[in-house]
């Protein structure tokens, strides 16, 4: 509390204490000037840790580049049967519900330990990228009919951020902030494991689409996203409140949507079927 505010409050506090409800008014006066607790959502990687993370990400990105180079023709994944498809959709819906419950429990516990906590909000363009990706995929798959085209646009748009979130969650999982005591890792698993279920089950829905092909362009887009992650890691993978981390976050989000779009960019006669 600043000295000026403290002096301004002294007469009001003194008058309040002179009455029967003085203690309550003192608490209210303190609450009126309290500031919300808004820490960064995760702790940055320091020095050698950031460099090591960058090297790992470069290695994985190189693997996607190599896969893209060897993928001379797009790969078509054999769709599962109706029964398997129904189970996949049911698991996906259950995973979303479970993640919602886990997030609610995590949030309640976080609020109980840190009453003044307010989650920081960072605009990274997802709500712009998603509608654009939806419309682009809808246009690319129009020749399959409106049902397949609409399903492709929905699933492709839903899967796009999952391509980002899985490596991202692995990177920040052990460094989430503020920690929930006395067992931070227990609560981190409560939060992230259902998210992993959502990520895997959402991406798996792509196999239900006859319009989807695993293409070299998609592999290269994922490699580009991981390359941006590597640059971000070399800078400590800091929370995106300063210009550079924010820009890297935005660019990597764009690339994950580009990767999802590239799954639907292929020509007839360039198909090699493979069983999923």
C-alpha atoms as a PDB file:
ATOM      1  CA  UNK A   1       0.000   0.000   0.000  1.00  0.00           C
ATOM      2  CA  UNK A   2       1.414   3.386  -0.932  1.00  0.00           C
ATOM      3  CA  UNK A   3       2.052   6.076   1.670  1.00  0.00           C
ATOM      4  CA  UNK A   4      -0.414   8.503   0.017  1.00  0.00           C
ATOM      5  CA  UNK A   5      -3.281   6.008   0.086  1.00  0.00           C
ATOM      6  CA  UNK A   6      -2.453   5.078   3.669  1.00  0.00           C
ATOM      7  CA  UNK A   7      -2.677   8.720   4.819  1.00  0.00           C
ATOM      8  CA  UNK A   8      -5.937   9.207   2.915  1.00  0.00           C
ATOM      9  CA  UNK A   9      -7.483   6.197   4.660  1.00  0.00           C
ATOM     10  CA  UNK A  10      -6.430   7.109   8.212  1.00  0.00           C
ATOM     11  CA  UNK A  11      -9.408   9.410   9.026  1.00  0.00           C
ATOM     12  CA  UNK A  12     -11.933   6.948   7.598  1.00  0.00           C
ATOM     13  CA  UNK A  13     -10.417   4.022   9.474  1.00  0.00           C
ATOM     14  CA  UNK A  14     -10.285   5.945  12.716  1.00  0.00           C
ATOM     15  CA  UNK A  15     -13.936   6.957  12.393  1.00  0.00           C
ATOM     16  CA  UNK A  16     -14.933   3.403  11.590  1.00  0.00           C
ATOM     17  CA  UNK A  17     -13.104   1.978  14.599  1.00  0.00           C
ATOM     18  CA  UNK A  18     -14.921   4.403  16.857  1.00  0.00           C
ATOM     19  CA  UNK A  19     -18.210   2.691  15.997  1.00  0.00           C
ATOM     20  CA  UNK A  20     -19.389  -0.831  16.812  1.00  0.00           C
ATOM     21  CA  UNK A  21     -18.696  -2.167  13.290  1.00  0.00           C
ATOM     22  CA  UNK A  22     -15.162  -0.829  13.169  1.00  0.00           C
ATOM     23  CA  UNK A  23     -13.456  -4.178  12.594  1.00  0.00           C
ATOM     24  CA  UNK A  24     -15.732  -5.046   9.680  1.00  0.00           C
ATOM     25  CA  UNK A  25     -15.176  -1.650   8.074  1.00  0.00           C
ATOM     26  CA  UNK A  26     -11.417  -2.029   8.512  1.00  0.00           C
ATOM     27  CA  UNK A  27     -11.527  -5.354   6.654  1.00  0.00           C
ATOM     28  CA  UNK A  28     -13.649  -3.783   3.921  1.00  0.00           C
ATOM     29  CA  UNK A  29     -11.252  -0.841   3.643  1.00  0.00           C
ATOM     30  CA  UNK A  30      -8.300  -3.189   3.237  1.00  0.00           C
ATOM     31  CA  UNK A  31     -10.172  -5.256   0.654  1.00  0.00           C
ATOM     32  CA  UNK A  32     -10.969  -2.138  -1.370  1.00  0.00           C
ATOM     33  CA  UNK A  33      -7.305  -1.467  -2.065  1.00  0.00           C
ATOM     34  CA  UNK A  34      -6.068  -5.049  -2.415  1.00  0.00           C
ATOM     35  CA  UNK A  35      -4.536  -5.978  -5.741  1.00  0.00           C
ATOM     36  CA  UNK A  36      -5.263  -9.252  -7.573  1.00  0.00           C
ATOM     37  CA  UNK A  37      -2.538 -11.874  -7.640  1.00  0.00           C
ATOM     38  CA  UNK A  38      -1.644 -12.428 -11.307  1.00  0.00           C
ATOM     39  CA  UNK A  39       1.595 -14.421 -11.650  1.00  0.00           C
ATOM     40  CA  UNK A  40       2.878 -15.828 -14.925  1.00  0.00           C
ATOM     41  CA  UNK A  41       1.164 -19.122 -15.735  1.00  0.00           C
ATOM     42  CA  UNK A  42       4.482 -20.980 -15.805  1.00  0.00           C
ATOM     43  CA  UNK A  43       8.076 -20.500 -14.675  1.00  0.00           C
ATOM     44  CA  UNK A  44      10.588 -19.798 -17.441  1.00  0.00           C
ATOM     45  CA  UNK A  45      13.437 -22.161 -18.278  1.00  0.00           C
ATOM     46  CA  UNK A  46      16.755 -20.816 -17.138  1.00  0.00           C
ATOM     47  CA  UNK A  47      20.094 -20.899 -18.929  1.00  0.00           C
ATOM     48  CA  UNK A  48      21.187 -24.425 -19.763  1.00  0.00           C
ATOM     49  CA  UNK A  49      17.678 -25.846 -19.298  1.00  0.00           C
ATOM     50  CA  UNK A  50      16.334 -23.648 -22.067  1.00  0.00           C
ATOM     51  CA  UNK A  51      19.190 -24.573 -24.406  1.00  0.00           C
ATOM     52  CA  UNK A  52      18.684 -28.294 -23.713  1.00  0.00           C
ATOM     53  CA  UNK A  53      14.965 -27.959 -24.406  1.00  0.00           C
ATOM     54  CA  UNK A  54      15.737 -26.109 -27.651  1.00  0.00           C
ATOM     55  CA  UNK A  55      18.064 -28.932 -28.763  1.00  0.00           C
ATOM     56  CA  UNK A  56      15.394 -31.565 -28.067  1.00  0.00           C
ATOM     57  CA  UNK A  57      12.803 -29.562 -29.998  1.00  0.00           C
ATOM     58  CA  UNK A  58      15.178 -29.122 -32.940  1.00  0.00           C
ATOM     59  CA  UNK A  59      15.766 -32.878 -32.979  1.00  0.00           C
ATOM     60  CA  UNK A  60      12.031 -33.610 -33.033  1.00  0.00           C
ATOM     61  CA  UNK A  61      11.467 -30.938 -35.688  1.00  0.00           C
ATOM     62  CA  UNK A  62      14.168 -32.581 -37.767  1.00  0.00           C
ATOM     63  CA  UNK A  63      12.291 -35.869 -37.502  1.00  0.00           C
ATOM     64  CA  UNK A  64       9.169 -34.271 -38.983  1.00  0.00           C
ATOM     65  CA  UNK A  65      11.232 -32.716 -41.774  1.00  0.00           C
ATOM     66  CA  UNK A  66      12.715 -36.124 -42.580  1.00  0.00           C
ATOM     67  CA  UNK A  67       9.263 -37.726 -42.526  1.00  0.00           C
ATOM     68  CA  UNK A  68       7.983 -35.061 -44.885  1.00  0.00           C
ATOM     69  CA  UNK A  69      10.879 -35.608 -47.292  1.00  0.00           C
ATOM     70  CA  UNK A  70      10.241 -39.352 -47.408  1.00  0.00           C
ATOM     71  CA  UNK A  71       6.508 -38.888 -47.810  1.00  0.00           C
ATOM     72  CA  UNK A  72       6.432 -38.542 -51.588  1.00  0.00           C
ATOM     73  CA  UNK A  73       2.685 -39.161 -51.764  1.00  0.00           C
ATOM     74  CA  UNK A  74      -0.028 -38.422 -49.154  1.00  0.00           C
ATOM     75  CA  UNK A  75      -1.002 -41.256 -46.847  1.00  0.00           C
ATOM     76  CA  UNK A  76      -4.646 -42.222 -46.446  1.00  0.00           C
ATOM     77  CA  UNK A  77      -5.541 -43.798 -43.115  1.00  0.00           C
ATOM     78  CA  UNK A  78      -8.072 -46.618 -43.391  1.00  0.00           C
ATOM     79  CA  UNK A  79     -11.208 -45.417 -41.530  1.00  0.00           C
ATOM     80  CA  UNK A  80     -12.420 -47.553 -38.609  1.00  0.00           C
ATOM     81  CA  UNK A  81     -15.790 -49.285 -38.685  1.00  0.00           C
ATOM     82  CA  UNK A  82     -18.974 -47.755 -37.312  1.00  0.00           C
ATOM     83  CA  UNK A  83     -18.667 -49.436 -33.926  1.00  0.00           C
ATOM     84  CA  UNK A  84     -15.082 -48.280 -33.449  1.00  0.00           C
ATOM     85  CA  UNK A  85     -16.028 -44.805 -34.660  1.00  0.00           C
ATOM     86  CA  UNK A  86     -18.868 -44.626 -32.119  1.00  0.00           C
ATOM     87  CA  UNK A  87     -16.480 -45.609 -29.315  1.00  0.00           C
ATOM     88  CA  UNK A  88     -13.962 -43.000 -30.477  1.00  0.00           C
ATOM     89  CA  UNK A  89     -16.591 -40.256 -30.398  1.00  0.00           C
ATOM     90  CA  UNK A  90     -17.850 -41.409 -26.988  1.00  0.00           C
ATOM     91  CA  UNK A  91     -14.305 -41.417 -25.587  1.00  0.00           C
ATOM     92  CA  UNK A  92     -13.731 -37.954 -27.034  1.00  0.00           C
ATOM     93  CA  UNK A  93     -16.877 -36.557 -25.383  1.00  0.00           C
ATOM     94  CA  UNK A  94     -16.030 -38.254 -22.084  1.00  0.00           C
ATOM     95  CA  UNK A  95     -12.489 -36.850 -22.234  1.00  0.00           C
ATOM     96  CA  UNK A  96     -13.845 -33.325 -22.729  1.00  0.00           C
ATOM     97  CA  UNK A  97     -16.216 -33.723 -19.779  1.00  0.00           C
ATOM     98  CA  UNK A  98     -13.452 -35.153 -17.582  1.00  0.00           C
ATOM     99  CA  UNK A  99     -11.107 -32.303 -18.496  1.00  0.00           C
ATOM    100  CA  UNK A 100     -13.833 -29.812 -17.629  1.00  0.00           C
ATOM    101  CA  UNK A 101     -14.376 -31.365 -14.193  1.00  0.00           C
ATOM    102  CA  UNK A 102     -10.626 -31.550 -13.527  1.00  0.00           C
ATOM    103  CA  UNK A 103     -10.212 -27.909 -14.534  1.00  0.00           C
ATOM    104  CA  UNK A 104     -13.048 -26.890 -12.218  1.00  0.00           C
ATOM    105  CA  UNK A 105     -11.567 -28.807  -9.265  1.00  0.00           C
ATOM    106  CA  UNK A 106      -8.105 -27.386  -9.999  1.00  0.00           C
ATOM    107  CA  UNK A 107      -9.525 -23.868 -10.172  1.00  0.00           C
ATOM    108  CA  UNK A 108     -11.433 -24.212  -6.894  1.00  0.00           C
ATOM    109  CA  UNK A 109      -8.336 -25.485  -5.104  1.00  0.00           C
ATOM    110  CA  UNK A 110      -6.222 -22.725  -6.617  1.00  0.00           C
ATOM    111  CA  UNK A 111      -8.708 -20.076  -5.507  1.00  0.00           C
ATOM    112  CA  UNK A 112      -8.818 -21.516  -1.995  1.00  0.00           C
ATOM    113  CA  UNK A 113      -5.037 -21.330  -1.569  1.00  0.00           C
ATOM    114  CA  UNK A 114      -4.625 -18.014  -3.433  1.00  0.00           C
ATOM    115  CA  UNK A 115      -7.835 -16.017  -2.808  1.00  0.00           C
ATOM    116  CA  UNK A 116      -6.587 -13.025  -4.791  1.00  0.00           C
ATOM    117  CA  UNK A 117      -5.474 -15.088  -7.782  1.00  0.00           C
ATOM    118  CA  UNK A 118      -6.655 -13.918 -11.196  1.00  0.00           C
ATOM    119  CA  UNK A 119      -5.597 -15.953 -14.244  1.00  0.00           C
ATOM    120  CA  UNK A 120      -3.656 -13.796 -16.726  1.00  0.00           C
ATOM    121  CA  UNK A 121      -5.253 -13.425 -20.124  1.00  0.00           C
ATOM    122  CA  UNK A 122      -3.080 -13.367 -23.217  1.00  0.00           C
ATOM    123  CA  UNK A 123      -4.507 -12.863 -26.692  1.00  0.00           C
ATOM    124  CA  UNK A 124      -2.673 -15.148 -29.122  1.00  0.00           C
ATOM    125  CA  UNK A 125      -5.061 -15.120 -32.066  1.00  0.00           C
ATOM    126  CA  UNK A 126      -6.734 -18.525 -31.651  1.00  0.00           C
ATOM    127  CA  UNK A 127     -10.223 -17.105 -32.089  1.00  0.00           C
ATOM    128  CA  UNK A 128      -9.132 -15.587 -35.390  1.00  0.00           C
ATOM    129  CA  UNK A 129      -7.168 -18.595 -36.664  1.00  0.00           C
ATOM    130  CA  UNK A 130      -9.945 -21.091 -35.937  1.00  0.00           C
ATOM    131  CA  UNK A 131     -12.716 -19.518 -38.084  1.00  0.00           C
ATOM    132  CA  UNK A 132     -10.265 -18.999 -40.937  1.00  0.00           C
ATOM    133  CA  UNK A 133      -9.121 -22.642 -40.778  1.00  0.00           C
ATOM    134  CA  UNK A 134     -12.747 -23.823 -40.617  1.00  0.00           C
ATOM    135  CA  UNK A 135     -13.709 -21.912 -43.767  1.00  0.00           C
ATOM    136  CA  UNK A 136     -10.576 -22.974 -45.651  1.00  0.00           C
ATOM    137  CA  UNK A 137     -11.082 -26.674 -44.855  1.00  0.00           C
ATOM    138  CA  UNK A 138     -14.781 -26.357 -45.704  1.00  0.00           C
ATOM    139  CA  UNK A 139     -13.810 -25.005 -49.114  1.00  0.00           C
ATOM    140  CA  UNK A 140     -11.077 -27.588 -49.737  1.00  0.00           C
ATOM    141  CA  UNK A 141     -13.360 -30.545 -48.986  1.00  0.00           C
ATOM    142  CA  UNK A 142     -16.490 -29.297 -50.769  1.00  0.00           C
ATOM    143  CA  UNK A 143     -16.221 -32.020 -53.442  1.00  0.00           C
ATOM    144  CA  UNK A 144     -16.959 -34.685 -50.808  1.00  0.00           C
ATOM    145  CA  UNK A 145     -20.454 -33.342 -50.158  1.00  0.00           C
ATOM    146  CA  UNK A 146     -21.707 -31.063 -47.441  1.00  0.00           C
ATOM    147  CA  UNK A 147     -21.782 -33.702 -44.664  1.00  0.00           C
ATOM    148  CA  UNK A 148     -18.160 -34.787 -45.088  1.00  0.00           C
ATOM    149  CA  UNK A 149     -17.100 -31.202 -45.761  1.00  0.00           C
ATOM    150  CA  UNK A 150     -18.739 -29.922 -42.575  1.00  0.00           C
ATOM    151  CA  UNK A 151     -17.327 -32.803 -40.508  1.00  0.00           C
ATOM    152  CA  UNK A 152     -13.871 -32.208 -41.991  1.00  0.00           C
ATOM    153  CA  UNK A 153     -13.987 -28.504 -41.182  1.00  0.00           C
ATOM    154  CA  UNK A 154     -15.131 -29.144 -37.609  1.00  0.00           C
ATOM    155  CA  UNK A 155     -12.706 -31.956 -36.793  1.00  0.00           C
ATOM    156  CA  UNK A 156      -9.795 -30.323 -38.616  1.00  0.00           C
ATOM    157  CA  UNK A 157     -10.312 -27.042 -36.782  1.00  0.00           C
ATOM    158  CA  UNK A 158     -10.653 -28.852 -33.429  1.00  0.00           C
ATOM    159  CA  UNK A 159      -7.515 -30.929 -34.056  1.00  0.00           C
ATOM    160  CA  UNK A 160      -5.364 -27.942 -35.051  1.00  0.00           C
ATOM    161  CA  UNK A 161      -4.816 -26.488 -31.551  1.00  0.00           C
ATOM    162  CA  UNK A 162      -4.239 -30.014 -30.230  1.00  0.00           C
ATOM    163  CA  UNK A 163      -1.144 -30.219 -32.453  1.00  0.00           C
ATOM    164  CA  UNK A 164       0.093 -27.172 -30.550  1.00  0.00           C
ATOM    165  CA  UNK A 165      -1.149 -28.090 -27.099  1.00  0.00           C
ATOM    166  CA  UNK A 166       0.432 -31.529 -26.735  1.00  0.00           C
ATOM    167  CA  UNK A 167       4.108 -30.442 -27.014  1.00  0.00           C
ATOM    168  CA  UNK A 168       3.271 -27.168 -25.278  1.00  0.00           C
ATOM    169  CA  UNK A 169       1.678 -28.941 -22.304  1.00  0.00           C
ATOM    170  CA  UNK A 170       4.636 -31.302 -22.015  1.00  0.00           C
ATOM    171  CA  UNK A 171       6.957 -28.279 -21.852  1.00  0.00           C
ATOM    172  CA  UNK A 172       5.064 -26.281 -19.212  1.00  0.00           C
ATOM    173  CA  UNK A 173       3.520 -29.126 -17.200  1.00  0.00           C
ATOM    174  CA  UNK A 174       6.244 -29.310 -14.553  1.00  0.00           C
ATOM    175  CA  UNK A 175       6.571 -25.532 -14.285  1.00  0.00           C
ATOM    176  CA  UNK A 176       2.980 -24.346 -13.845  1.00  0.00           C
ATOM    177  CA  UNK A 177       2.583 -21.391 -11.531  1.00  0.00           C
ATOM    178  CA  UNK A 178       1.407 -20.828  -8.841  1.00  0.00           C
ATOM    179  CA  UNK A 179       1.915 -24.347  -7.432  1.00  0.00           C
ATOM    180  CA  UNK A 180      -0.885 -25.923  -5.398  1.00  0.00           C
ATOM    181  CA  UNK A 181       0.492 -27.119  -2.086  1.00  0.00           C
ATOM    182  CA  UNK A 182       1.206 -29.512  -0.463  1.00  0.00           C
ATOM    183  CA  UNK A 183       1.416 -31.741  -3.565  1.00  0.00           C
ATOM    184  CA  UNK A 184       1.938 -29.565  -6.689  1.00  0.00           C
ATOM    185  CA  UNK A 185       2.738 -32.512  -8.977  1.00  0.00           C
ATOM    186  CA  UNK A 186      -0.428 -34.334  -7.957  1.00  0.00           C
ATOM    187  CA  UNK A 187      -2.589 -31.368  -8.963  1.00  0.00           C
ATOM    188  CA  UNK A 188      -0.601 -30.848 -12.151  1.00  0.00           C
ATOM    189  CA  UNK A 189      -1.388 -34.404 -13.170  1.00  0.00           C
ATOM    190  CA  UNK A 190      -5.030 -33.860 -12.263  1.00  0.00           C
ATOM    191  CA  UNK A 191      -5.085 -30.923 -14.668  1.00  0.00           C
ATOM    192  CA  UNK A 192      -2.890 -32.131 -17.536  1.00  0.00           C
ATOM    193  CA  UNK A 193      -3.666 -35.861 -17.868  1.00  0.00           C
ATOM    194  CA  UNK A 194      -7.307 -35.219 -18.880  1.00  0.00           C
ATOM    195  CA  UNK A 195      -6.007 -32.601 -21.310  1.00  0.00           C
ATOM    196  CA  UNK A 196      -3.753 -35.213 -22.914  1.00  0.00           C
ATOM    197  CA  UNK A 197      -6.814 -37.452 -23.277  1.00  0.00           C
ATOM    198  CA  UNK A 198      -8.664 -34.642 -25.050  1.00  0.00           C
ATOM    199  CA  UNK A 199      -5.695 -33.946 -27.310  1.00  0.00           C
ATOM    200  CA  UNK A 200      -5.189 -37.563 -28.380  1.00  0.00           C
ATOM    201  CA  UNK A 201      -8.893 -38.331 -28.778  1.00  0.00           C
ATOM    202  CA  UNK A 202      -9.478 -35.163 -30.823  1.00  0.00           C
ATOM    203  CA  UNK A 203      -6.611 -35.896 -33.214  1.00  0.00           C
ATOM    204  CA  UNK A 204      -7.799 -39.504 -33.521  1.00  0.00           C
ATOM    205  CA  UNK A 205     -11.089 -38.250 -34.990  1.00  0.00           C
ATOM    206  CA  UNK A 206      -9.164 -37.247 -38.110  1.00  0.00           C
ATOM    207  CA  UNK A 207      -8.994 -40.933 -39.022  1.00  0.00           C
ATOM    208  CA  UNK A 208     -12.790 -40.934 -39.477  1.00  0.00           C
ATOM    209  CA  UNK A 209     -12.550 -38.484 -42.384  1.00  0.00           C
ATOM    210  CA  UNK A 210     -12.227 -39.823 -45.939  1.00  0.00           C
ATOM    211  CA  UNK A 211     -11.045 -36.352 -46.958  1.00  0.00           C
ATOM    212  CA  UNK A 212      -7.939 -36.386 -44.728  1.00  0.00           C
ATOM    213  CA  UNK A 213      -4.466 -37.381 -45.910  1.00  0.00           C
ATOM    214  CA  UNK A 214      -1.165 -37.190 -44.045  1.00  0.00           C
ATOM    215  CA  UNK A 215       0.871 -34.985 -46.365  1.00  0.00           C
ATOM    216  CA  UNK A 216       4.460 -33.794 -46.521  1.00  0.00           C
ATOM    217  CA  UNK A 217       3.228 -30.205 -46.230  1.00  0.00           C
ATOM    218  CA  UNK A 218       1.514 -31.042 -42.924  1.00  0.00           C
ATOM    219  CA  UNK A 219       4.732 -32.610 -41.597  1.00  0.00           C
ATOM    220  CA  UNK A 220       6.717 -29.541 -42.612  1.00  0.00           C
ATOM    221  CA  UNK A 221       4.195 -27.217 -40.945  1.00  0.00           C
ATOM    222  CA  UNK A 222       4.484 -29.173 -37.677  1.00  0.00           C
ATOM    223  CA  UNK A 223       8.277 -29.026 -38.027  1.00  0.00           C
ATOM    224  CA  UNK A 224       8.020 -25.262 -38.462  1.00  0.00           C
ATOM    225  CA  UNK A 225       5.917 -24.987 -35.310  1.00  0.00           C
ATOM    226  CA  UNK A 226       8.477 -27.007 -33.330  1.00  0.00           C
ATOM    227  CA  UNK A 227      11.258 -24.833 -34.749  1.00  0.00           C
ATOM    228  CA  UNK A 228       9.465 -21.765 -33.390  1.00  0.00           C
ATOM    229  CA  UNK A 229       9.152 -23.613 -30.077  1.00  0.00           C
ATOM    230  CA  UNK A 230      12.931 -24.185 -30.160  1.00  0.00           C
ATOM    231  CA  UNK A 231      13.601 -20.472 -30.618  1.00  0.00           C
ATOM    232  CA  UNK A 232      11.153 -19.780 -27.805  1.00  0.00           C
ATOM    233  CA  UNK A 233      12.939 -22.339 -25.604  1.00  0.00           C
ATOM    234  CA  UNK A 234      16.316 -20.742 -26.334  1.00  0.00           C
ATOM    235  CA  UNK A 235      14.806 -17.551 -24.920  1.00  0.00           C
ATOM    236  CA  UNK A 236      13.709 -19.446 -21.782  1.00  0.00           C
ATOM    237  CA  UNK A 237      10.204 -20.316 -23.007  1.00  0.00           C
ATOM    238  CA  UNK A 238       8.979 -17.312 -21.053  1.00  0.00           C
ATOM    239  CA  UNK A 239       5.314 -16.534 -20.487  1.00  0.00           C
ATOM    240  CA  UNK A 240       4.061 -14.461 -23.469  1.00  0.00           C
ATOM    241  CA  UNK A 241       3.695 -11.060 -21.858  1.00  0.00           C
ATOM    242  CA  UNK A 242       6.709  -9.465 -23.551  1.00  0.00           C
ATOM    243  CA  UNK A 243       6.845  -8.901 -27.338  1.00  0.00           C
ATOM    244  CA  UNK A 244       9.201 -11.743 -28.353  1.00  0.00           C
ATOM    245  CA  UNK A 245       7.529 -14.648 -26.471  1.00  0.00           C
ATOM    246  CA  UNK A 246       4.131 -13.304 -27.495  1.00  0.00           C
ATOM    247  CA  UNK A 247       5.155 -13.185 -31.165  1.00  0.00           C
ATOM    248  CA  UNK A 248       6.572 -16.714 -30.999  1.00  0.00           C
ATOM    249  CA  UNK A 249       3.359 -17.954 -29.399  1.00  0.00           C
ATOM    250  CA  UNK A 250       1.235 -16.326 -32.102  1.00  0.00           C
ATOM    251  CA  UNK A 251       3.393 -17.674 -34.964  1.00  0.00           C
ATOM    252  CA  UNK A 252       3.420 -21.223 -33.558  1.00  0.00           C
ATOM    253  CA  UNK A 253      -0.380 -21.103 -33.198  1.00  0.00           C
ATOM    254  CA  UNK A 254      -0.728 -20.036 -36.827  1.00  0.00           C
ATOM    255  CA  UNK A 255       1.522 -22.912 -37.935  1.00  0.00           C
ATOM    256  CA  UNK A 256      -0.541 -25.518 -36.082  1.00  0.00           C
ATOM    257  CA  UNK A 257      -3.624 -24.376 -37.994  1.00  0.00           C
ATOM    258  CA  UNK A 258      -1.636 -24.405 -41.235  1.00  0.00           C
ATOM    259  CA  UNK A 259      -0.625 -28.002 -40.453  1.00  0.00           C
ATOM    260  CA  UNK A 260      -4.277 -28.978 -39.966  1.00  0.00           C
ATOM    261  CA  UNK A 261      -5.254 -27.336 -43.260  1.00  0.00           C
ATOM    262  CA  UNK A 262      -2.444 -29.159 -45.071  1.00  0.00           C
ATOM    263  CA  UNK A 263      -4.044 -32.472 -44.082  1.00  0.00           C
ATOM    264  CA  UNK A 264      -6.753 -31.669 -46.616  1.00  0.00           C
ATOM    265  CA  UNK A 265      -4.504 -30.346 -49.404  1.00  0.00           C
ATOM    266  CA  UNK A 266      -3.770 -33.212 -51.800  1.00  0.00           C
ATOM    267  CA  UNK A 267      -4.565 -34.279 -55.350  1.00  0.00           C
ATOM    268  CA  UNK A 268      -6.264 -37.368 -56.718  1.00  0.00           C
ATOM    269  CA  UNK A 269      -3.838 -40.057 -57.824  1.00  0.00           C
ATOM    270  CA  UNK A 270      -1.389 -39.218 -54.987  1.00  0.00           C
ATOM    271  CA  UNK A 271      -2.662 -41.690 -52.405  1.00  0.00           C
ATOM    272  CA  UNK A 272      -1.002 -44.527 -50.543  1.00  0.00           C
ATOM    273  CA  UNK A 273      -3.365 -46.294 -48.152  1.00  0.00           C
ATOM    274  CA  UNK A 274      -2.125 -47.346 -44.737  1.00  0.00           C
ATOM    275  CA  UNK A 275      -3.935 -48.934 -41.842  1.00  0.00           C
ATOM    276  CA  UNK A 276      -4.315 -46.888 -38.692  1.00  0.00           C
END
